Amino acid sequence: MQTDPLGDFLTILRNASRSPKTEVLVNYSRLKSDVAHILKKEGYLTEVEVISEDKTKPQLKVVLKGSGKSRAIVNITRLSRPGLRRYVDADNIPNVLGGMGVSVVSTSQGVMAGHEAKKRRLGGELLLSIY
């Protein structure tokens, strides 16, 4: 039983970025897919694909950017967790490494990068930061 599927997904990405693996398969969920597409758009992942074979549970195939010690993902941190949710308004969305990293926010208009939420003047749950 998973109590924090997004946290488990981020741990899988963190571990894969520190190993020679270039791709990982995880169970599909819409939140994981949205976060993975944001990370692809921001340049941390190469490919995100939903794989569904013969009406089985769909899986999310994620290909990491970079190889060896030159990975795009240096650190990925879960900010809001099931035991302590963190909500922020548009003015309090943090800059990660002075703009070099990205924060991901779940807003009323969907999951988006922190800089995009600031532009749209939307707040929400602060999910993660990555650099």
C-alpha atoms as a PDB file:
ATOM      1  CA  MET A   1       0.000   0.000   0.000  1.00  0.00           C
ATOM      2  CA  GLN A   2       1.369   3.365  -1.039  1.00  0.00           C
ATOM      3  CA  THR A   3       0.666   6.353   1.154  1.00  0.00           C
ATOM      4  CA  ASP A   4       2.586   8.857  -0.982  1.00  0.00           C
ATOM      5  CA  PRO A   5       2.723   7.807  -4.645  1.00  0.00           C
ATOM      6  CA  LEU A   6       4.307  11.093  -5.758  1.00  0.00           C
ATOM      7  CA  GLY A   7       7.015  10.770  -3.108  1.00  0.00           C
ATOM      8  CA  ASP A   8       7.742   7.221  -4.295  1.00  0.00           C
ATOM      9  CA  PHE A   9       7.930   8.462  -7.906  1.00  0.00           C
ATOM     10  CA  LEU A  10      10.417  11.177  -6.944  1.00  0.00           C
ATOM     11  CA  THR A  11      12.514   8.638  -5.030  1.00  0.00           C
ATOM     12  CA  ILE A  12      12.602   6.419  -8.127  1.00  0.00           C
ATOM     13  CA  LEU A  13      13.774   9.378 -10.247  1.00  0.00           C
ATOM     14  CA  ARG A  14      16.373  10.369  -7.626  1.00  0.00           C
ATOM     15  CA  ASN A  15      17.772   6.824  -7.412  1.00  0.00           C
ATOM     16  CA  ALA A  16      17.790   6.399 -11.197  1.00  0.00           C
ATOM     17  CA  SER A  17      19.660   9.682 -11.664  1.00  0.00           C
ATOM     18  CA  ARG A  18      22.395   8.409  -9.338  1.00  0.00           C
ATOM     19  CA  SER A  19      22.714   5.051 -11.095  1.00  0.00           C
ATOM     20  CA  PRO A  20      23.729   4.075 -14.629  1.00  0.00           C
ATOM     21  CA  LYS A  21      20.045   3.507 -15.512  1.00  0.00           C
ATOM     22  CA  THR A  22      18.669   5.785 -18.218  1.00  0.00           C
ATOM     23  CA  GLU A  23      14.996   4.811 -18.104  1.00  0.00           C
ATOM     24  CA  VAL A  24      12.493   3.731 -15.475  1.00  0.00           C
ATOM     25  CA  LEU A  25       8.976   2.297 -15.483  1.00  0.00           C
ATOM     26  CA  VAL A  26       6.467   3.356 -12.813  1.00  0.00           C
ATOM     27  CA  ASN A  27       2.763   2.758 -12.315  1.00  0.00           C
ATOM     28  CA  TYR A  28       0.696   5.388 -14.098  1.00  0.00           C
ATOM     29  CA  SER A  29      -1.268   8.105 -12.362  1.00  0.00           C
ATOM     30  CA  ARG A  30      -2.382  11.443 -13.735  1.00  0.00           C
ATOM     31  CA  LEU A  31      -0.383  13.409 -11.152  1.00  0.00           C
ATOM     32  CA  LYS A  32       2.823  11.480 -11.932  1.00  0.00           C
ATOM     33  CA  SER A  33       2.234  11.999 -15.642  1.00  0.00           C
ATOM     34  CA  ASP A  34       1.644  15.747 -15.215  1.00  0.00           C
ATOM     35  CA  VAL A  35       4.782  16.149 -13.094  1.00  0.00           C
ATOM     36  CA  ALA A  36       6.846  14.098 -15.574  1.00  0.00           C
ATOM     37  CA  HIS A  37       5.638  16.227 -18.501  1.00  0.00           C
ATOM     38  CA  ILE A  38       6.584  19.410 -16.624  1.00  0.00           C
ATOM     39  CA  LEU A  39      10.047  17.975 -15.922  1.00  0.00           C
ATOM     40  CA  LYS A  40      10.378  17.098 -19.618  1.00  0.00           C
ATOM     41  CA  LYS A  41       9.304  20.610 -20.638  1.00  0.00           C
ATOM     42  CA  GLU A  42      11.842  22.128 -18.213  1.00  0.00           C
ATOM     43  CA  GLY A  43      14.663  19.942 -19.606  1.00  0.00           C
ATOM     44  CA  TYR A  44      15.185  17.349 -16.861  1.00  0.00           C
ATOM     45  CA  LEU A  45      13.766  14.370 -18.795  1.00  0.00           C
ATOM     46  CA  THR A  46      14.179  13.276 -22.406  1.00  0.00           C
ATOM     47  CA  GLU A  47      11.020  11.245 -22.936  1.00  0.00           C
ATOM     48  CA  VAL A  48       7.752  10.511 -21.120  1.00  0.00           C
ATOM     49  CA  GLU A  49       5.457   7.831 -22.517  1.00  0.00           C
ATOM     50  CA  VAL A  50       2.385   5.966 -21.286  1.00  0.00           C
ATOM     51  CA  ILE A  51       2.616   2.231 -21.960  1.00  0.00           C
ATOM     52  CA  SER A  52      -0.482   0.051 -21.787  1.00  0.00           C
ATOM     53  CA  GLU A  53      -0.226  -3.569 -22.857  1.00  0.00           C
ATOM     54  CA  ASP A  54      -3.354  -5.691 -23.364  1.00  0.00           C
ATOM     55  CA  LYS A  55      -5.690  -3.898 -20.931  1.00  0.00           C
ATOM     56  CA  THR A  56      -3.275  -4.240 -18.025  1.00  0.00           C
ATOM     57  CA  LYS A  57      -2.422  -1.449 -15.664  1.00  0.00           C
ATOM     58  CA  PRO A  58      -0.813   1.360 -17.644  1.00  0.00           C
ATOM     59  CA  GLN A  59       2.756   2.311 -16.841  1.00  0.00           C
ATOM     60  CA  LEU A  60       4.748   5.482 -17.301  1.00  0.00           C
ATOM     61  CA  LYS A  61       8.086   5.127 -19.079  1.00  0.00           C
ATOM     62  CA  VAL A  62      10.476   7.946 -18.171  1.00  0.00           C
ATOM     63  CA  VAL A  63      13.848   8.469 -19.880  1.00  0.00           C
ATOM     64  CA  LEU A  64      16.339  10.577 -17.931  1.00  0.00           C
ATOM     65  CA  LYS A  65      18.430  13.271 -19.591  1.00  0.00           C
ATOM     66  CA  GLY A  66      22.205  12.925 -19.469  1.00  0.00           C
ATOM     67  CA  SER A  67      24.404   9.964 -18.718  1.00  0.00           C
ATOM     68  CA  GLY A  68      26.801   8.889 -16.019  1.00  0.00           C
ATOM     69  CA  LYS A  69      27.761  11.709 -13.674  1.00  0.00           C
ATOM     70  CA  SER A  70      26.417  14.432 -15.977  1.00  0.00           C
ATOM     71  CA  ARG A  71      22.716  13.971 -15.247  1.00  0.00           C
ATOM     72  CA  ALA A  72      20.260  16.838 -15.545  1.00  0.00           C
ATOM     73  CA  ILE A  73      18.722  15.966 -12.155  1.00  0.00           C
ATOM     74  CA  VAL A  74      21.108  16.863  -9.341  1.00  0.00           C
ATOM     75  CA  ASN A  75      18.572  17.025  -6.511  1.00  0.00           C
ATOM     76  CA  ILE A  76      14.825  16.539  -6.299  1.00  0.00           C
ATOM     77  CA  THR A  77      12.920  17.255  -3.082  1.00  0.00           C
ATOM     78  CA  ARG A  78       9.295  16.646  -2.081  1.00  0.00           C
ATOM     79  CA  LEU A  79       8.084  19.807  -0.303  1.00  0.00           C
ATOM     80  CA  SER A  80       4.429  19.119   0.516  1.00  0.00           C
ATOM     81  CA  ARG A  81       3.787  15.687   1.984  1.00  0.00           C
ATOM     82  CA  PRO A  82       0.708  13.864   3.294  1.00  0.00           C
ATOM     83  CA  GLY A  83       1.565  14.686   6.919  1.00  0.00           C
ATOM     84  CA  LEU A  84       2.266  18.372   6.271  1.00  0.00           C
ATOM     85  CA  ARG A  85       0.717  20.038   3.248  1.00  0.00           C
ATOM     86  CA  ARG A  86       2.363  23.275   2.086  1.00  0.00           C
ATOM     87  CA  TYR A  87       0.152  25.814   0.358  1.00  0.00           C
ATOM     88  CA  VAL A  88       1.499  29.064  -1.061  1.00  0.00           C
ATOM     89  CA  ASP A  89       0.043  32.055  -2.835  1.00  0.00           C
ATOM     90  CA  ALA A  90       1.541  33.409  -6.058  1.00  0.00           C
ATOM     91  CA  ASP A  91       3.830  35.860  -4.236  1.00  0.00           C
ATOM     92  CA  ASN A  92       5.384  33.159  -2.031  1.00  0.00           C
ATOM     93  CA  ILE A  93       6.294  30.555  -4.670  1.00  0.00           C
ATOM     94  CA  PRO A  94      10.018  30.021  -4.052  1.00  0.00           C
ATOM     95  CA  ASN A  95      12.801  30.500  -6.579  1.00  0.00           C
ATOM     96  CA  VAL A  96      14.972  27.391  -6.617  1.00  0.00           C
ATOM     97  CA  LEU A  97      18.701  28.187  -6.802  1.00  0.00           C
ATOM     98  CA  GLY A  98      18.000  31.753  -7.885  1.00  0.00           C
ATOM     99  CA  GLY A  99      15.982  30.632 -10.902  1.00  0.00           C
ATOM    100  CA  MET A 100      18.292  27.808 -11.989  1.00  0.00           C
ATOM    101  CA  GLY A 101      15.909  25.161 -10.628  1.00  0.00           C
ATOM    102  CA  VAL A 102      12.154  24.674 -10.841  1.00  0.00           C
ATOM    103  CA  SER A 103       9.404  24.342  -8.280  1.00  0.00           C
ATOM    104  CA  VAL A 104       6.202  22.501  -9.211  1.00  0.00           C
ATOM    105  CA  VAL A 105       2.827  23.726  -7.945  1.00  0.00           C
ATOM    106  CA  SER A 106      -0.599  22.082  -8.075  1.00  0.00           C
ATOM    107  CA  THR A 107      -3.057  24.896  -8.799  1.00  0.00           C
ATOM    108  CA  SER A 108      -6.764  25.109  -9.516  1.00  0.00           C
ATOM    109  CA  GLN A 109      -5.876  25.150 -13.231  1.00  0.00           C
ATOM    110  CA  GLY A 110      -3.666  22.075 -13.065  1.00  0.00           C
ATOM    111  CA  VAL A 111      -0.103  21.168 -12.188  1.00  0.00           C
ATOM    112  CA  MET A 112       2.447  23.689 -13.476  1.00  0.00           C
ATOM    113  CA  ALA A 113       5.954  25.011 -12.979  1.00  0.00           C
ATOM    114  CA  GLY A 114       6.372  27.683 -10.322  1.00  0.00           C
ATOM    115  CA  HIS A 115       7.400  30.422 -12.742  1.00  0.00           C
ATOM    116  CA  GLU A 116       4.313  29.791 -14.865  1.00  0.00           C
ATOM    117  CA  ALA A 117       2.050  29.890 -11.788  1.00  0.00           C
ATOM    118  CA  LYS A 118       3.633  33.229 -10.804  1.00  0.00           C
ATOM    119  CA  LYS A 119       2.902  34.655 -14.268  1.00  0.00           C
ATOM    120  CA  ARG A 120      -0.725  33.546 -14.033  1.00  0.00           C
ATOM    121  CA  ARG A 121      -0.972  34.812 -10.431  1.00  0.00           C
ATOM    122  CA  LEU A 122      -2.028  31.380  -9.131  1.00  0.00           C
ATOM    123  CA  GLY A 123      -1.139  29.761  -5.836  1.00  0.00           C
ATOM    124  CA  GLY A 124      -1.667  26.207  -4.681  1.00  0.00           C
ATOM    125  CA  GLU A 125       0.036  23.227  -3.127  1.00  0.00           C
ATOM    126  CA  LEU A 126       3.830  23.326  -3.431  1.00  0.00           C
ATOM    127  CA  LEU A 127       4.689  19.804  -4.593  1.00  0.00           C
ATOM    128  CA  LEU A 128       8.440  19.655  -5.239  1.00  0.00           C
ATOM    129  CA  SER A 129      11.620  21.463  -6.159  1.00  0.00           C
ATOM    130  CA  ILE A 130      14.253  20.222  -8.583  1.00  0.00           C
ATOM    131  CA  TYR A 131      17.628  21.354  -9.823  1.00  0.00           C
END
